[in-house]
Amino acid sequence: MKTAVNIDMTPKRGLITDTFKVVKKARRGGKRDKSPSPPIAEPEPPQLSEREKDLEELKKFDLDWKFGPCTGISRLQRWERAALHGLNPPQEIKDILLKESTDPEYTQSLWRDYPL
């Protein structure tokens, strides 16, 4: 007599957790009270010398087009032309120009090296 044997020929499909052991990560001390970190101090900008401050002001004057074009003339000529036309150029600029009247870095505009 034959006994009926139910042989399932398909391989059993299991879960990946059946093959690999489940590992739970342990918590690290739970919640920690974080104290706020101290603010990072921004480095102070280097102190500019008197010359550097003056040249920076003159550069601003060169870049301010309300006093007219500055190519082909000295800064003092531009200042005087602006004053003549009632454009009220800063007196501070004239004072700087008169103080250093022989130094080309002071007397000539930023575009002194570029021909017209």
Protein backbone atom coordinates (compact mmCIF):
# COMPACT_ATOMS: atom_id res chain seq x y z
CA MET A 1 0.00 0.00 0.00
CA LYS A 2 1.17 3.34 -0.86
CA THR A 3 1.16 6.14 1.63
CA ALA A 4 0.59 9.59 0.38
CA VAL A 5 3.51 11.76 1.15
CA ASN A 6 3.08 15.44 0.46
CA ILE A 7 6.45 16.49 -0.76
CA ASP A 8 6.70 20.18 -1.50
CA MET A 9 9.49 20.66 -3.99
CA THR A 10 9.66 24.45 -3.74
CA PRO A 11 12.27 25.83 -1.39
CA LYS A 12 10.98 27.46 1.75
CA ARG A 13 11.05 31.25 1.55
CA GLY A 14 12.17 32.65 4.83
CA LEU A 15 12.84 36.10 6.16
CA ILE A 16 16.30 37.61 6.20
CA THR A 17 16.04 37.69 9.97
CA ASP A 18 15.81 33.92 9.92
CA THR A 19 19.34 33.79 8.53
CA PHE A 20 20.99 36.66 10.39
CA LYS A 21 20.85 37.33 14.07
CA VAL A 22 18.99 40.53 15.03
CA VAL A 23 21.31 42.91 16.90
CA LYS A 24 19.82 45.91 18.63
CA LYS A 25 22.07 48.85 19.25
CA ALA A 26 22.30 49.96 22.83
CA ARG A 27 21.50 53.60 23.53
CA ARG A 28 24.32 55.77 24.67
CA GLY A 29 23.23 57.09 27.99
CA GLY A 30 19.85 58.23 26.75
CA LYS A 31 19.17 61.94 26.50
CA ARG A 32 21.97 64.17 27.60
CA ASP A 33 21.60 67.68 28.80
CA LYS A 34 23.73 69.70 26.44
CA SER A 35 25.07 72.91 27.77
CA PRO A 36 25.19 75.60 25.11
CA SER A 37 28.62 75.96 23.65
CA PRO A 38 30.24 79.32 24.19
CA PRO A 39 29.96 81.66 21.22
CA ILE A 40 32.92 81.56 18.91
CA ALA A 41 34.77 84.83 19.10
CA GLU A 42 35.24 86.31 15.67
CA PRO A 43 38.78 87.43 15.06
CA GLU A 44 39.11 91.16 15.10
CA PRO A 45 39.97 92.66 11.74
CA PRO A 46 43.53 93.89 11.59
CA GLN A 47 43.92 97.53 12.49
CA LEU A 48 44.50 99.66 9.42
CA SER A 49 47.29 102.15 9.38
CA GLU A 50 46.57 105.83 8.75
CA ARG A 51 47.81 105.44 5.17
CA GLU A 52 45.54 102.44 4.54
CA LYS A 53 42.54 104.31 5.94
CA ASP A 54 43.30 107.32 3.73
CA LEU A 55 43.70 105.18 0.62
CA GLU A 56 40.44 103.39 1.40
CA GLU A 57 38.61 106.74 1.61
CA LEU A 58 40.19 107.85 -1.66
CA LYS A 59 39.14 104.59 -3.29
CA LYS A 60 35.54 105.23 -2.19
CA PHE A 61 35.81 108.72 -3.68
CA ASP A 62 37.04 107.24 -6.98
CA LEU A 63 34.17 104.76 -7.09
CA ASP A 64 31.49 107.37 -6.37
CA TRP A 65 30.29 108.51 -9.79
CA LYS A 66 28.21 111.40 -8.47
CA PHE A 67 31.41 113.49 -8.52
CA GLY A 68 31.96 112.86 -12.23
CA PRO A 69 34.49 110.80 -14.16
CA CYS A 70 37.98 110.47 -12.75
CA THR A 71 40.05 109.19 -15.65
CA GLY A 72 42.63 111.52 -17.08
CA ILE A 73 42.68 113.95 -14.13
CA SER A 74 44.10 113.93 -10.63
CA ARG A 75 41.91 113.35 -7.61
CA LEU A 76 42.36 116.96 -6.50
CA GLN A 77 41.28 118.23 -9.94
CA ARG A 78 38.22 115.98 -9.75
CA TRP A 79 37.43 117.20 -6.24
CA GLU A 80 37.73 120.85 -7.35
CA ARG A 81 35.59 120.24 -10.45
CA ALA A 82 32.91 118.58 -8.31
CA ALA A 83 33.00 121.51 -5.86
CA LEU A 84 32.76 123.99 -8.76
CA HIS A 85 29.63 122.24 -10.01
CA GLY A 86 28.03 122.23 -6.55
CA LEU A 87 28.29 118.46 -6.03
CA ASN A 88 29.57 118.86 -2.45
CA PRO A 89 32.54 116.46 -2.42
CA PRO A 90 33.72 115.50 1.08
CA GLN A 91 36.12 118.00 2.65
CA GLU A 92 37.93 115.07 4.26
CA ILE A 93 39.06 113.95 0.78
CA LYS A 94 40.56 117.35 0.00
CA ASP A 95 42.36 117.36 3.35
CA ILE A 96 43.87 113.95 2.61
CA LEU A 97 44.93 115.06 -0.87
CA LEU A 98 46.57 118.25 0.38
CA LYS A 99 48.37 116.36 3.16
CA GLU A 100 49.98 113.91 0.71
CA SER A 101 50.29 116.05 -2.41
CA THR A 102 53.41 114.34 -3.84
CA ASP A 103 52.56 110.63 -3.50
CA PRO A 104 51.03 109.29 -6.77
CA GLU A 105 49.03 106.69 -4.80
CA TYR A 106 47.21 109.64 -3.20
CA THR A 107 47.07 112.06 -6.10
CA GLN A 108 46.04 109.72 -8.93
CA SER A 109 42.82 107.72 -9.18
CA LEU A 110 42.47 103.95 -9.21
CA TRP A 111 42.56 103.99 -13.01
CA ARG A 112 45.83 105.90 -13.31
CA ASP A 113 47.52 102.94 -15.03
CA TYR A 114 44.88 102.59 -17.74
CA PRO A 115 45.18 104.83 -20.79
CA LEU A 116 42.12 106.68 -22.09
